[in-house]
Amino acid sequence: MVEACDDPRGKAFFWKDEKKLGNWGFKADPFPQADELNAHLDYQIGLLEQAGFVTRRAVGANAPNFVEITYKGHDYLDAIRSDTVWDKTTAGVAKVGGMSLDMIKELAIAYMKQEAAEKLGIKL
């Protein structure tokens, strides 16, 4: 969602206001799950922020939170963009039984390098 944002700075925002959730295609009024959804989004974005994949900036009490993808976040997204790489990565995670996000990123990068090496005929 953040990467696909039309903002040329790579930023997206989301409101903690249930009426704004209608812009995302959620039933806005009444929307009893709004608080739960906002709490879930805040938690997930907080984890991505702690891992260094995004940064978040609140601009005011009634203003949106801006989320920017960091270099590390773009590196991860570039690694998993290929369906082949993503499929191999998720299969690898399933085989191991789980991995941290950093491990998943490193696995995806390894598969991406393998794919590039095979296509280019060189050793990376």
PDB file of N, CA and C in Angstrom:
ATOM      1  N   MET A   1       0.825  -1.181   0.000  1.00  0.00           N
ATOM      2  CA  MET A   1       0.000   0.000   0.000  1.00  0.00           C
ATOM      3  C   MET A   1       0.872   1.248   0.000  1.00  0.00           C
ATOM      4  N   VAL A   2       1.905   1.297   0.799  1.00  0.00           N
ATOM      5  CA  VAL A   2       2.760   2.467   0.854  1.00  0.00           C
ATOM      6  C   VAL A   2       3.538   2.612  -0.443  1.00  0.00           C
ATOM      7  N   GLU A   3       4.085   1.508  -0.937  1.00  0.00           N
ATOM      8  CA  GLU A   3       4.888   1.570  -2.154  1.00  0.00           C
ATOM      9  C   GLU A   3       4.048   2.021  -3.345  1.00  0.00           C
ATOM     10  N   ALA A   4       2.792   1.626  -3.389  1.00  0.00           N
ATOM     11  CA  ALA A   4       1.926   1.951  -4.513  1.00  0.00           C
ATOM     12  C   ALA A   4       1.332   3.355  -4.437  1.00  0.00           C
ATOM     13  N   CYS A   5       1.658   4.087  -3.390  1.00  0.00           N
ATOM     14  CA  CYS A   5       1.116   5.428  -3.204  1.00  0.00           C
ATOM     15  C   CYS A   5       1.521   6.339  -4.358  1.00  0.00           C
ATOM     16  N   ASP A   6       0.632   7.231  -4.762  1.00  0.00           N
ATOM     17  CA  ASP A   6       0.909   8.152  -5.856  1.00  0.00           C
ATOM     18  C   ASP A   6       1.859   9.277  -5.468  1.00  0.00           C
ATOM     19  N   ASP A   7       2.110   9.466  -4.181  1.00  0.00           N
ATOM     20  CA  ASP A   7       2.985  10.536  -3.716  1.00  0.00           C
ATOM     21  C   ASP A   7       4.400  10.279  -4.224  1.00  0.00           C
ATOM     22  N   PRO A   8       4.991  11.192  -4.975  1.00  0.00           N
ATOM     23  CA  PRO A   8       6.327  10.964  -5.532  1.00  0.00           C
ATOM     24  C   PRO A   8       7.408  10.803  -4.473  1.00  0.00           C
ATOM     25  N   ARG A   9       7.141  11.206  -3.255  1.00  0.00           N
ATOM     26  CA  ARG A   9       8.118  11.034  -2.178  1.00  0.00           C
ATOM     27  C   ARG A   9       8.040   9.634  -1.578  1.00  0.00           C
ATOM     28  N   GLY A  10       7.130   8.789  -2.084  1.00  0.00           N
ATOM     29  CA  GLY A  10       7.012   7.433  -1.583  1.00  0.00           C
ATOM     30  C   GLY A  10       6.310   7.348  -0.251  1.00  0.00           C
ATOM     31  N   LYS A  11       5.492   8.333   0.041  1.00  0.00           N
ATOM     32  CA  LYS A  11       4.811   8.373   1.334  1.00  0.00           C
ATOM     33  C   LYS A  11       3.351   7.993   1.171  1.00  0.00           C
ATOM     34  N   ALA A  12       2.786   7.486   2.202  1.00  0.00           N
ATOM     35  CA  ALA A  12       1.351   7.222   2.237  1.00  0.00           C
ATOM     36  C   ALA A  12       0.866   7.649   3.603  1.00  0.00           C
ATOM     37  N   PHE A  13      -0.392   7.795   3.751  1.00  0.00           N
ATOM     38  CA  PHE A  13      -0.909   8.121   5.068  1.00  0.00           C
ATOM     39  C   PHE A  13      -2.185   7.359   5.315  1.00  0.00           C
ATOM     40  N   PHE A  14      -2.503   7.246   6.576  1.00  0.00           N
ATOM     41  CA  PHE A  14      -3.748   6.593   6.947  1.00  0.00           C
ATOM     42  C   PHE A  14      -4.286   7.327   8.159  1.00  0.00           C
ATOM     43  N   TRP A  15      -5.571   7.434   8.187  1.00  0.00           N
ATOM     44  CA  TRP A  15      -6.233   8.171   9.250  1.00  0.00           C
ATOM     45  C   TRP A  15      -6.631   7.235  10.375  1.00  0.00           C
ATOM     46  N   LYS A  16      -6.642   7.756  11.562  1.00  0.00           N
ATOM     47  CA  LYS A  16      -7.163   7.017  12.704  1.00  0.00           C
ATOM     48  C   LYS A  16      -8.608   7.464  12.944  1.00  0.00           C
ATOM     49  N   ASP A  17      -9.292   7.693  11.888  1.00  0.00           N
ATOM     50  CA  ASP A  17     -10.666   8.168  11.926  1.00  0.00           C
ATOM     51  C   ASP A  17     -11.503   7.191  11.110  1.00  0.00           C
ATOM     52  N   GLU A  18     -12.487   6.588  11.750  1.00  0.00           N
ATOM     53  CA  GLU A  18     -13.239   5.544  11.061  1.00  0.00           C
ATOM     54  C   GLU A  18     -13.925   6.048   9.796  1.00  0.00           C
ATOM     55  N   LYS A  19     -14.255   7.325   9.717  1.00  0.00           N
ATOM     56  CA  LYS A  19     -14.906   7.841   8.505  1.00  0.00           C
ATOM     57  C   LYS A  19     -13.939   7.849   7.335  1.00  0.00           C
ATOM     58  N   LYS A  20     -12.665   8.000   7.592  1.00  0.00           N
ATOM     59  CA  LYS A  20     -11.663   7.986   6.523  1.00  0.00           C
ATOM     60  C   LYS A  20     -11.416   6.572   6.015  1.00  0.00           C
ATOM     61  N   LEU A  21     -11.761   5.571   6.800  1.00  0.00           N
ATOM     62  CA  LEU A  21     -11.552   4.184   6.372  1.00  0.00           C
ATOM     63  C   LEU A  21     -12.392   3.843   5.158  1.00  0.00           C
ATOM     64  N   GLY A  22     -13.468   4.570   4.948  1.00  0.00           N
ATOM     65  CA  GLY A  22     -14.297   4.361   3.771  1.00  0.00           C
ATOM     66  C   GLY A  22     -13.507   4.557   2.488  1.00  0.00           C
ATOM     67  N   ASN A  23     -12.475   5.400   2.543  1.00  0.00           N
ATOM     68  CA  ASN A  23     -11.623   5.622   1.370  1.00  0.00           C
ATOM     69  C   ASN A  23     -10.847   4.365   1.007  1.00  0.00           C
ATOM     70  N   TRP A  24     -10.691   3.452   1.939  1.00  0.00           N
ATOM     71  CA  TRP A  24      -9.967   2.206   1.696  1.00  0.00           C
ATOM     72  C   TRP A  24     -10.904   1.099   1.256  1.00  0.00           C
ATOM     73  N   GLY A  25     -12.190   1.416   1.146  1.00  0.00           N
ATOM     74  CA  GLY A  25     -13.146   0.408   0.738  1.00  0.00           C
ATOM     75  C   GLY A  25     -13.805  -0.306   1.907  1.00  0.00           C
ATOM     76  N   PHE A  26     -13.520   0.155   3.139  1.00  0.00           N
ATOM     77  CA  PHE A  26     -14.174  -0.426   4.307  1.00  0.00           C
ATOM     78  C   PHE A  26     -15.485   0.304   4.546  1.00  0.00           C
ATOM     79  N   LYS A  27     -16.432  -0.417   5.107  1.00  0.00           N
ATOM     80  CA  LYS A  27     -17.692   0.215   5.470  1.00  0.00           C
ATOM     81  C   LYS A  27     -17.382   1.240   6.560  1.00  0.00           C
ATOM     82  N   ALA A  28     -17.659   2.503   6.276  1.00  0.00           N
ATOM     83  CA  ALA A  28     -17.211   3.563   7.163  1.00  0.00           C
ATOM     84  C   ALA A  28     -18.200   3.891   8.283  1.00  0.00           C
ATOM     85  N   ASP A  29     -19.490   3.785   8.017  1.00  0.00           N
ATOM     86  CA  ASP A  29     -20.422   4.227   9.047  1.00  0.00           C
ATOM     87  C   ASP A  29     -21.641   3.326   9.050  1.00  0.00           C
ATOM     88  N   PRO A  30     -21.917   2.524  10.031  1.00  0.00           N
ATOM     89  CA  PRO A  30     -21.047   2.315  11.186  1.00  0.00           C
ATOM     90  C   PRO A  30     -19.950   1.300  10.859  1.00  0.00           C
ATOM     91  N   PHE A  31     -18.846   1.453  11.495  1.00  0.00           N
ATOM     92  CA  PHE A  31     -17.710   0.549  11.295  1.00  0.00           C
ATOM     93  C   PHE A  31     -17.167   0.171  12.669  1.00  0.00           C
ATOM     94  N   PRO A  32     -17.778  -0.835  13.296  1.00  0.00           N
ATOM     95  CA  PRO A  32     -17.404  -1.162  14.670  1.00  0.00           C
ATOM     96  C   PRO A  32     -15.974  -1.680  14.817  1.00  0.00           C
ATOM     97  N   GLN A  33     -15.373  -2.164  13.717  1.00  0.00           N
ATOM     98  CA  GLN A  33     -14.020  -2.700  13.812  1.00  0.00           C
ATOM     99  C   GLN A  33     -12.947  -1.630  13.605  1.00  0.00           C
ATOM    100  N   ALA A  34     -13.331  -0.359  13.464  1.00  0.00           N
ATOM    101  CA  ALA A  34     -12.359   0.696  13.147  1.00  0.00           C
ATOM    102  C   ALA A  34     -11.261   0.784  14.190  1.00  0.00           C
ATOM    103  N   ASP A  35     -11.621   0.790  15.446  1.00  0.00           N
ATOM    104  CA  ASP A  35     -10.609   0.894  16.498  1.00  0.00           C
ATOM    105  C   ASP A  35      -9.678  -0.310  16.480  1.00  0.00           C
ATOM    106  N   GLU A  36     -10.242  -1.495  16.285  1.00  0.00           N
ATOM    107  CA  GLU A  36      -9.440  -2.713  16.226  1.00  0.00           C
ATOM    108  C   GLU A  36      -8.503  -2.694  15.019  1.00  0.00           C
ATOM    109  N   LEU A  37      -9.004  -2.252  13.870  1.00  0.00           N
ATOM    110  CA  LEU A  37      -8.183  -2.167  12.668  1.00  0.00           C
ATOM    111  C   LEU A  37      -7.057  -1.153  12.858  1.00  0.00           C
ATOM    112  N   ASN A  38      -7.382   0.010  13.401  1.00  0.00           N
ATOM    113  CA  ASN A  38      -6.362   1.026  13.645  1.00  0.00           C
ATOM    114  C   ASN A  38      -5.287   0.523  14.599  1.00  0.00           C
ATOM    115  N   ALA A  39      -5.702  -0.176  15.638  1.00  0.00           N
ATOM    116  CA  ALA A  39      -4.730  -0.723  16.595  1.00  0.00           C
ATOM    117  C   ALA A  39      -3.837  -1.751  15.910  1.00  0.00           C
ATOM    118  N   HIS A  40      -4.429  -2.582  15.068  1.00  0.00           N
ATOM    119  CA  HIS A  40      -3.660  -3.601  14.340  1.00  0.00           C
ATOM    120  C   HIS A  40      -2.664  -2.936  13.379  1.00  0.00           C
ATOM    121  N   LEU A  41      -3.121  -1.938  12.621  1.00  0.00           N
ATOM    122  CA  LEU A  41      -2.236  -1.221  11.702  1.00  0.00           C
ATOM    123  C   LEU A  41      -1.108  -0.534  12.453  1.00  0.00           C
ATOM    124  N   ASP A  42      -1.433   0.134  13.549  1.00  0.00           N
ATOM    125  CA  ASP A  42      -0.401   0.799  14.348  1.00  0.00           C
ATOM    126  C   ASP A  42       0.643  -0.204  14.830  1.00  0.00           C
ATOM    127  N   TYR A  43       0.193  -1.345  15.281  1.00  0.00           N
ATOM    128  CA  TYR A  43       1.103  -2.377  15.776  1.00  0.00           C
ATOM    129  C   TYR A  43       2.010  -2.890  14.660  1.00  0.00           C
ATOM    130  N   GLN A  44       1.411  -3.241  13.506  1.00  0.00           N
ATOM    131  CA  GLN A  44       2.186  -3.789  12.392  1.00  0.00           C
ATOM    132  C   GLN A  44       3.180  -2.769  11.846  1.00  0.00           C
ATOM    133  N   ILE A  45       2.748  -1.527  11.688  1.00  0.00           N
ATOM    134  CA  ILE A  45       3.653  -0.492  11.197  1.00  0.00           C
ATOM    135  C   ILE A  45       4.740  -0.214  12.229  1.00  0.00           C
ATOM    136  N   GLY A  46       4.395  -0.290  13.498  1.00  0.00           N
ATOM    137  CA  GLY A  46       5.392  -0.132  14.558  1.00  0.00           C
ATOM    138  C   GLY A  46       6.469  -1.201  14.474  1.00  0.00           C
ATOM    139  N   LEU A  47       6.072  -2.439  14.206  1.00  0.00           N
ATOM    140  CA  LEU A  47       7.063  -3.516  14.051  1.00  0.00           C
ATOM    141  C   LEU A  47       7.953  -3.281  12.835  1.00  0.00           C
ATOM    142  N   LEU A  48       7.354  -2.861  11.726  1.00  0.00           N
ATOM    143  CA  LEU A  48       8.148  -2.564  10.527  1.00  0.00           C
ATOM    144  C   LEU A  48       9.101  -1.401  10.787  1.00  0.00           C
ATOM    145  N   GLU A  49       8.647  -0.445  11.577  1.00  0.00           N
ATOM    146  CA  GLU A  49       9.497   0.694  11.936  1.00  0.00           C
ATOM    147  C   GLU A  49      10.659   0.249  12.825  1.00  0.00           C
ATOM    148  N   GLN A  50      10.380  -0.575  13.802  1.00  0.00           N
ATOM    149  CA  GLN A  50      11.436  -1.094  14.674  1.00  0.00           C
ATOM    150  C   GLN A  50      12.471  -1.893  13.890  1.00  0.00           C
ATOM    151  N   ALA A  51      12.028  -2.596  12.865  1.00  0.00           N
ATOM    152  CA  ALA A  51      12.930  -3.406  12.044  1.00  0.00           C
ATOM    153  C   ALA A  51      13.702  -2.559  11.035  1.00  0.00           C
ATOM    154  N   GLY A  52      13.337  -1.292  10.893  1.00  0.00           N
ATOM    155  CA  GLY A  52      14.037  -0.409   9.970  1.00  0.00           C
ATOM    156  C   GLY A  52      13.518  -0.435   8.551  1.00  0.00           C
ATOM    157  N   PHE A  53      12.343  -1.019   8.325  1.00  0.00           N
ATOM    158  CA  PHE A  53      11.776  -1.109   6.976  1.00  0.00           C
ATOM    159  C   PHE A  53      10.973   0.135   6.596  1.00  0.00           C
ATOM    160  N   VAL A  54      10.429   0.831   7.581  1.00  0.00           N
ATOM    161  CA  VAL A  54       9.679   2.062   7.347  1.00  0.00           C
ATOM    162  C   VAL A  54       9.988   3.052   8.462  1.00  0.00           C
ATOM    163  N   THR A  55       9.685   4.310   8.186  1.00  0.00           N
ATOM    164  CA  THR A  55       9.678   5.323   9.237  1.00  0.00           C
ATOM    165  C   THR A  55       8.283   5.922   9.246  1.00  0.00           C
ATOM    166  N   ARG A  56       7.880   6.377  10.405  1.00  0.00           N
ATOM    167  CA  ARG A  56       6.536   6.931  10.554  1.00  0.00           C
ATOM    168  C   ARG A  56       6.651   8.281  11.248  1.00  0.00           C
ATOM    169  N   ARG A  57       5.835   9.218  10.780  1.00  0.00           N
ATOM    170  CA  ARG A  57       5.860  10.546  11.377  1.00  0.00           C
ATOM    171  C   ARG A  57       4.427  11.022  11.536  1.00  0.00           C
ATOM    172  N   ALA A  58       4.060  11.346  12.755  1.00  0.00           N
ATOM    173  CA  ALA A  58       2.740  11.918  13.020  1.00  0.00           C
ATOM    174  C   ALA A  58       2.881  13.429  12.899  1.00  0.00           C
ATOM    175  N   VAL A  59       1.967  14.052  12.186  1.00  0.00           N
ATOM    176  CA  VAL A  59       2.067  15.495  11.985  1.00  0.00           C
ATOM    177  C   VAL A  59       1.080  16.288  12.834  1.00  0.00           C
ATOM    178  N   GLY A  60       0.242  15.635  13.572  1.00  0.00           N
ATOM    179  CA  GLY A  60      -0.696  16.335  14.439  1.00  0.00           C
ATOM    180  C   GLY A  60      -1.764  15.388  14.951  1.00  0.00           C
ATOM    181  N   ALA A  61      -2.495  15.847  15.949  1.00  0.00           N
ATOM    182  CA  ALA A  61      -3.505  14.996  16.582  1.00  0.00           C
ATOM    183  C   ALA A  61      -4.586  14.557  15.611  1.00  0.00           C
ATOM    184  N   ASN A  62      -5.039  15.448  14.746  1.00  0.00           N
ATOM    185  CA  ASN A  62      -6.099  15.115  13.795  1.00  0.00           C
ATOM    186  C   ASN A  62      -5.573  15.029  12.368  1.00  0.00           C
ATOM    187  N   ALA A  63      -4.280  14.854  12.248  1.00  0.00           N
ATOM    188  CA  ALA A  63      -3.664  14.780  10.928  1.00  0.00           C
ATOM    189  C   ALA A  63      -3.200  13.351  10.664  1.00  0.00           C
ATOM    190  N   PRO A  64      -2.907  13.045   9.415  1.00  0.00           N
ATOM    191  CA  PRO A  64      -2.492  11.675   9.089  1.00  0.00           C
ATOM    192  C   PRO A  64      -1.084  11.360   9.570  1.00  0.00           C
ATOM    193  N   ASN A  65      -0.834  10.084   9.712  1.00  0.00           N
ATOM    194  CA  ASN A  65       0.524   9.596   9.952  1.00  0.00           C
ATOM    195  C   ASN A  65       1.137   9.324   8.589  1.00  0.00           C
ATOM    196  N   PHE A  66       2.344   9.819   8.354  1.00  0.00           N
ATOM    197  CA  PHE A  66       3.050   9.527   7.115  1.00  0.00           C
ATOM    198  C   PHE A  66       3.965   8.345   7.342  1.00  0.00           C
ATOM    199  N   VAL A  67       4.003   7.463   6.381  1.00  0.00           N
ATOM    200  CA  VAL A  67       4.872   6.292   6.438  1.00  0.00           C
ATOM    201  C   VAL A  67       5.760   6.338   5.208  1.00  0.00           C
ATOM    202  N   GLU A  68       7.067   6.258   5.433  1.00  0.00           N
ATOM    203  CA  GLU A  68       8.022   6.236   4.339  1.00  0.00           C
ATOM    204  C   GLU A  68       8.766   4.910   4.357  1.00  0.00           C
ATOM    205  N   ILE A  69       8.971   4.339   3.195  1.00  0.00           N
ATOM    206  CA  ILE A  69       9.748   3.109   3.092  1.00  0.00           C
ATOM    207  C   ILE A  69      11.220   3.504   3.110  1.00  0.00           C
ATOM    208  N   THR A  70      11.992   2.854   3.950  1.00  0.00           N
ATOM    209  CA  THR A  70      13.416   3.133   4.055  1.00  0.00           C
ATOM    210  C   THR A  70      14.188   2.394   2.965  1.00  0.00           C
ATOM    211  N   TYR A  71      15.486   2.656   2.905  1.00  0.00           N
ATOM    212  CA  TYR A  71      16.345   1.935   1.957  1.00  0.00           C
ATOM    213  C   TYR A  71      16.241   0.430   2.211  1.00  0.00           C
ATOM    214  N   LYS A  72      16.289   0.042   3.483  1.00  0.00           N
ATOM    215  CA  LYS A  72      16.190  -1.375   3.844  1.00  0.00           C
ATOM    216  C   LYS A  72      14.838  -1.943   3.399  1.00  0.00           C
ATOM    217  N   GLY A  73      13.782  -1.167   3.531  1.00  0.00           N
ATOM    218  CA  GLY A  73      12.455  -1.603   3.092  1.00  0.00           C
ATOM    219  C   GLY A  73      12.372  -1.782   1.592  1.00  0.00           C
ATOM    220  N   HIS A  74      12.947  -0.835   0.851  1.00  0.00           N
ATOM    221  CA  HIS A  74      12.963  -0.956  -0.613  1.00  0.00           C
ATOM    222  C   HIS A  74      13.809  -2.148  -1.050  1.00  0.00           C
ATOM    223  N   ASP A  75      14.914  -2.378  -0.340  1.00  0.00           N
ATOM    224  CA  ASP A  75      15.779  -3.518  -0.634  1.00  0.00           C
ATOM    225  C   ASP A  75      14.984  -4.820  -0.499  1.00  0.00           C
ATOM    226  N   TYR A  76      14.193  -4.935   0.554  1.00  0.00           N
ATOM    227  CA  TYR A  76      13.360  -6.119   0.780  1.00  0.00           C
ATOM    228  C   TYR A  76      12.305  -6.253  -0.323  1.00  0.00           C
ATOM    229  N   LEU A  77      11.617  -5.149  -0.633  1.00  0.00           N
ATOM    230  CA  LEU A  77      10.574  -5.202  -1.665  1.00  0.00           C
ATOM    231  C   LEU A  77      11.156  -5.587  -3.017  1.00  0.00           C
ATOM    232  N   ASP A  78      12.338  -5.062  -3.336  1.00  0.00           N
ATOM    233  CA  ASP A  78      12.978  -5.426  -4.603  1.00  0.00           C
ATOM    234  C   ASP A  78      13.324  -6.912  -4.631  1.00  0.00           C
ATOM    235  N   ALA A  79      13.722  -7.448  -3.476  1.00  0.00           N
ATOM    236  CA  ALA A  79      14.097  -8.864  -3.409  1.00  0.00           C
ATOM    237  C   ALA A  79      12.899  -9.783  -3.621  1.00  0.00           C
ATOM    238  N   ILE A  80      11.721  -9.391  -3.156  1.00  0.00           N
ATOM    239  CA  ILE A  80      10.555 -10.285  -3.240  1.00  0.00           C
ATOM    240  C   ILE A  80       9.629  -9.958  -4.410  1.00  0.00           C
ATOM    241  N   ARG A  81      10.010  -9.004  -5.243  1.00  0.00           N
ATOM    242  CA  ARG A  81       9.141  -8.581  -6.345  1.00  0.00           C
ATOM    243  C   ARG A  81       8.889  -9.703  -7.355  1.00  0.00           C
ATOM    244  N   SER A  82       9.885 -10.514  -7.621  1.00  0.00           N
ATOM    245  CA  SER A  82       9.738 -11.627  -8.565  1.00  0.00           C
ATOM    246  C   SER A  82       8.867 -12.713  -7.941  1.00  0.00           C
ATOM    247  N   ASP A  83       7.868 -13.174  -8.688  1.00  0.00           N
ATOM    248  CA  ASP A  83       7.014 -14.258  -8.191  1.00  0.00           C
ATOM    249  C   ASP A  83       7.829 -15.516  -7.914  1.00  0.00           C
ATOM    250  N   THR A  84       8.818 -15.777  -8.765  1.00  0.00           N
ATOM    251  CA  THR A  84       9.668 -16.960  -8.569  1.00  0.00           C
ATOM    252  C   THR A  84      10.431 -16.864  -7.260  1.00  0.00           C
ATOM    253  N   VAL A  85      11.037 -15.710  -7.016  1.00  0.00           N
ATOM    254  CA  VAL A  85      11.793 -15.500  -5.776  1.00  0.00           C
ATOM    255  C   VAL A  85      10.859 -15.584  -4.575  1.00  0.00           C
ATOM    256  N   TRP A  86       9.687 -14.955  -4.676  1.00  0.00           N
ATOM    257  CA  TRP A  86       8.743 -14.978  -3.555  1.00  0.00           C
ATOM    258  C   TRP A  86       8.285 -16.406  -3.259  1.00  0.00           C
ATOM    259  N   ASP A  87       7.975 -17.170  -4.305  1.00  0.00           N
ATOM    260  CA  ASP A  87       7.528 -18.555  -4.106  1.00  0.00           C
ATOM    261  C   ASP A  87       8.615 -19.397  -3.450  1.00  0.00           C
ATOM    262  N   LYS A  88       9.867 -19.243  -3.903  1.00  0.00           N
ATOM    263  CA  LYS A  88      10.979 -19.989  -3.294  1.00  0.00           C
ATOM    264  C   LYS A  88      11.185 -19.560  -1.848  1.00  0.00           C
ATOM    265  N   THR A  89      11.056 -18.258  -1.604  1.00  0.00           N
ATOM    266  CA  THR A  89      11.255 -17.737  -0.245  1.00  0.00           C
ATOM    267  C   THR A  89      10.204 -18.274   0.709  1.00  0.00           C
ATOM    268  N   THR A  90       8.933 -18.217   0.312  1.00  0.00           N
ATOM    269  CA  THR A  90       7.877 -18.707   1.201  1.00  0.00           C
ATOM    270  C   THR A  90       7.980 -20.221   1.401  1.00  0.00           C
ATOM    271  N   ALA A  91       8.402 -20.934   0.355  1.00  0.00           N
ATOM    272  CA  ALA A  91       8.605 -22.382   0.500  1.00  0.00           C
ATOM    273  C   ALA A  91       9.751 -22.655   1.472  1.00  0.00           C
ATOM    274  N   GLY A  92      10.803 -21.853   1.395  1.00  0.00           N
ATOM    275  CA  GLY A  92      11.930 -22.013   2.314  1.00  0.00           C
ATOM    276  C   GLY A  92      11.542 -21.732   3.752  1.00  0.00           C
ATOM    277  N   VAL A  93      10.756 -20.689   3.950  1.00  0.00           N
ATOM    278  CA  VAL A  93      10.279 -20.354   5.300  1.00  0.00           C
ATOM    279  C   VAL A  93       9.418 -21.486   5.840  1.00  0.00           C
ATOM    280  N   ALA A  94       8.541 -22.025   5.001  1.00  0.00           N
ATOM    281  CA  ALA A  94       7.674 -23.133   5.422  1.00  0.00           C
ATOM    282  C   ALA A  94       8.501 -24.364   5.774  1.00  0.00           C
ATOM    283  N   LYS A  95       9.545 -24.622   4.993  1.00  0.00           N
ATOM    284  CA  LYS A  95      10.389 -25.787   5.239  1.00  0.00           C
ATOM    285  C   LYS A  95      11.111 -25.672   6.583  1.00  0.00           C
ATOM    286  N   VAL A  96      11.565 -24.456   6.898  1.00  0.00           N
ATOM    287  CA  VAL A  96      12.254 -24.220   8.167  1.00  0.00           C
ATOM    288  C   VAL A  96      11.256 -24.170   9.321  1.00  0.00           C
ATOM    289  N   GLY A  97      10.064 -23.687   9.036  1.00  0.00           N
ATOM    290  CA  GLY A  97       9.040 -23.591  10.072  1.00  0.00           C
ATOM    291  C   GLY A  97       8.883 -22.190  10.617  1.00  0.00           C
ATOM    292  N   GLY A  98       9.523 -21.227   9.990  1.00  0.00           N
ATOM    293  CA  GLY A  98       9.417 -19.832  10.412  1.00  0.00           C
ATOM    294  C   GLY A  98      10.776 -19.164  10.426  1.00  0.00           C
ATOM    295  N   MET A  99      10.792 -17.868  10.218  1.00  0.00           N
ATOM    296  CA  MET A  99      12.018 -17.076  10.212  1.00  0.00           C
ATOM    297  C   MET A  99      11.684 -15.652  10.636  1.00  0.00           C
ATOM    298  N   SER A 100      12.706 -14.951  11.086  1.00  0.00           N
ATOM    299  CA  SER A 100      12.532 -13.529  11.362  1.00  0.00           C
ATOM    300  C   SER A 100      12.449 -12.793  10.028  1.00  0.00           C
ATOM    301  N   LEU A 101      11.954 -11.570  10.057  1.00  0.00           N
ATOM    302  CA  LEU A 101      11.834 -10.787   8.839  1.00  0.00           C
ATOM    303  C   LEU A 101      13.205 -10.538   8.211  1.00  0.00           C
ATOM    304  N   ASP A 102      14.215 -10.296   9.023  1.00  0.00           N
ATOM    305  CA  ASP A 102      15.560 -10.108   8.482  1.00  0.00           C
ATOM    306  C   ASP A 102      16.058 -11.371   7.794  1.00  0.00           C
ATOM    307  N   MET A 103      15.770 -12.534   8.357  1.00  0.00           N
ATOM    308  CA  MET A 103      16.171 -13.792   7.724  1.00  0.00           C
ATOM    309  C   MET A 103      15.421 -13.995   6.408  1.00  0.00           C
ATOM    310  N   ILE A 104      14.137 -13.663   6.400  1.00  0.00           N
ATOM    311  CA  ILE A 104      13.339 -13.787   5.181  1.00  0.00           C
ATOM    312  C   ILE A 104      13.913 -12.875   4.103  1.00  0.00           C
ATOM    313  N   LYS A 105      14.285 -11.658   4.497  1.00  0.00           N
ATOM    314  CA  LYS A 105      14.892 -10.723   3.542  1.00  0.00           C
ATOM    315  C   LYS A 105      16.185 -11.303   2.976  1.00  0.00           C
ATOM    316  N   GLU A 106      17.033 -11.842   3.825  1.00  0.00           N
ATOM    317  CA  GLU A 106      18.305 -12.411   3.364  1.00  0.00           C
ATOM    318  C   GLU A 106      18.087 -13.628   2.464  1.00  0.00           C
ATOM    319  N   LEU A 107      17.106 -14.452   2.795  1.00  0.00           N
ATOM    320  CA  LEU A 107      16.785 -15.606   1.959  1.00  0.00           C
ATOM    321  C   LEU A 107      16.302 -15.151   0.585  1.00  0.00           C
ATOM    322  N   ALA A 108      15.421 -14.152   0.571  1.00  0.00           N
ATOM    323  CA  ALA A 108      14.908 -13.629  -0.701  1.00  0.00           C
ATOM    324  C   ALA A 108      16.037 -13.035  -1.534  1.00  0.00           C
ATOM    325  N   ILE A 109      16.945 -12.321  -0.898  1.00  0.00           N
ATOM    326  CA  ILE A 109      18.074 -11.746  -1.629  1.00  0.00           C
ATOM    327  C   ILE A 109      18.957 -12.852  -2.195  1.00  0.00           C
ATOM    328  N   ALA A 110      19.151 -13.919  -1.438  1.00  0.00           N
ATOM    329  CA  ALA A 110      19.951 -15.046  -1.933  1.00  0.00           C
ATOM    330  C   ALA A 110      19.291 -15.674  -3.160  1.00  0.00           C
ATOM    331  N   TYR A 111      17.972 -15.863  -3.120  1.00  0.00           N
ATOM    332  CA  TYR A 111      17.261 -16.409  -4.278  1.00  0.00           C
ATOM    333  C   TYR A 111      17.297 -15.437  -5.459  1.00  0.00           C
ATOM    334  N   MET A 112      17.209 -14.139  -5.169  1.00  0.00           N
ATOM    335  CA  MET A 112      17.275 -13.134  -6.230  1.00  0.00           C
ATOM    336  C   MET A 112      18.652 -13.172  -6.902  1.00  0.00           C
ATOM    337  N   LYS A 113      19.701 -13.294  -6.095  1.00  0.00           N
ATOM    338  CA  LYS A 113      21.060 -13.388  -6.649  1.00  0.00           C
ATOM    339  C   LYS A 113      21.225 -14.660  -7.478  1.00  0.00           C
ATOM    340  N   GLN A 114      20.660 -15.754  -6.975  1.00  0.00           N
ATOM    341  CA  GLN A 114      20.728 -17.021  -7.703  1.00  0.00           C
ATOM    342  C   GLN A 114      20.027 -16.886  -9.058  1.00  0.00           C
ATOM    343  N   GLU A 115      18.850 -16.286  -9.056  1.00  0.00           N
ATOM    344  CA  GLU A 115      18.096 -16.095 -10.294  1.00  0.00           C
ATOM    345  C   GLU A 115      18.866 -15.204 -11.274  1.00  0.00           C
ATOM    346  N   ALA A 116      19.445 -14.124 -10.758  1.00  0.00           N
ATOM    347  CA  ALA A 116      20.221 -13.208 -11.615  1.00  0.00           C
ATOM    348  C   ALA A 116      21.447 -13.920 -12.182  1.00  0.00           C
ATOM    349  N   ALA A 117      22.142 -14.702 -11.351  1.00  0.00           N
ATOM    350  CA  ALA A 117      23.327 -15.419 -11.795  1.00  0.00           C
ATOM    351  C   ALA A 117      22.985 -16.401 -12.912  1.00  0.00           C
ATOM    352  N   GLU A 118      21.873 -17.096 -12.760  1.00  0.00           N
ATOM    353  CA  GLU A 118      21.461 -18.058 -13.778  1.00  0.00           C
ATOM    354  C   GLU A 118      21.102 -17.346 -15.090  1.00  0.00           C
ATOM    355  N   LYS A 119      20.404 -16.226 -15.007  1.00  0.00           N
ATOM    356  CA  LYS A 119      19.999 -15.491 -16.218  1.00  0.00           C
ATOM    357  C   LYS A 119      21.204 -14.840 -16.908  1.00  0.00           C
ATOM    358  N   LEU A 120      22.167 -14.393 -16.117  1.00  0.00           N
ATOM    359  CA  LEU A 120      23.330 -13.686 -16.678  1.00  0.00           C
ATOM    360  C   LEU A 120      24.486 -14.609 -17.002  1.00  0.00           C
ATOM    361  N   GLY A 121      24.445 -15.824 -16.479  1.00  0.00           N
ATOM    362  CA  GLY A 121      25.519 -16.771 -16.725  1.00  0.00           C
ATOM    363  C   GLY A 121      26.818 -16.414 -16.005  1.00  0.00           C
ATOM    364  N   ILE A 122      26.695 -15.736 -14.876  1.00  0.00           N
ATOM    365  CA  ILE A 122      27.873 -15.380 -14.084  1.00  0.00           C
ATOM    366  C   ILE A 122      27.658 -15.766 -12.633  1.00  0.00           C
ATOM    367  N   LYS A 123      28.748 -15.813 -11.888  1.00  0.00           N
ATOM    368  CA  LYS A 123      28.650 -16.119 -10.462  1.00  0.00           C
ATOM    369  C   LYS A 123      28.613 -14.806  -9.689  1.00  0.00           C
ATOM    370  N   LEU A 124      27.604 -14.655  -8.855  1.00  0.00           N
ATOM    371  CA  LEU A 124      27.486 -13.448  -8.023  1.00  0.00           C
ATOM    372  C   LEU A 124      27.961 -13.722  -6.616  1.00  0.00           C
TER     373      LEU A 124
END
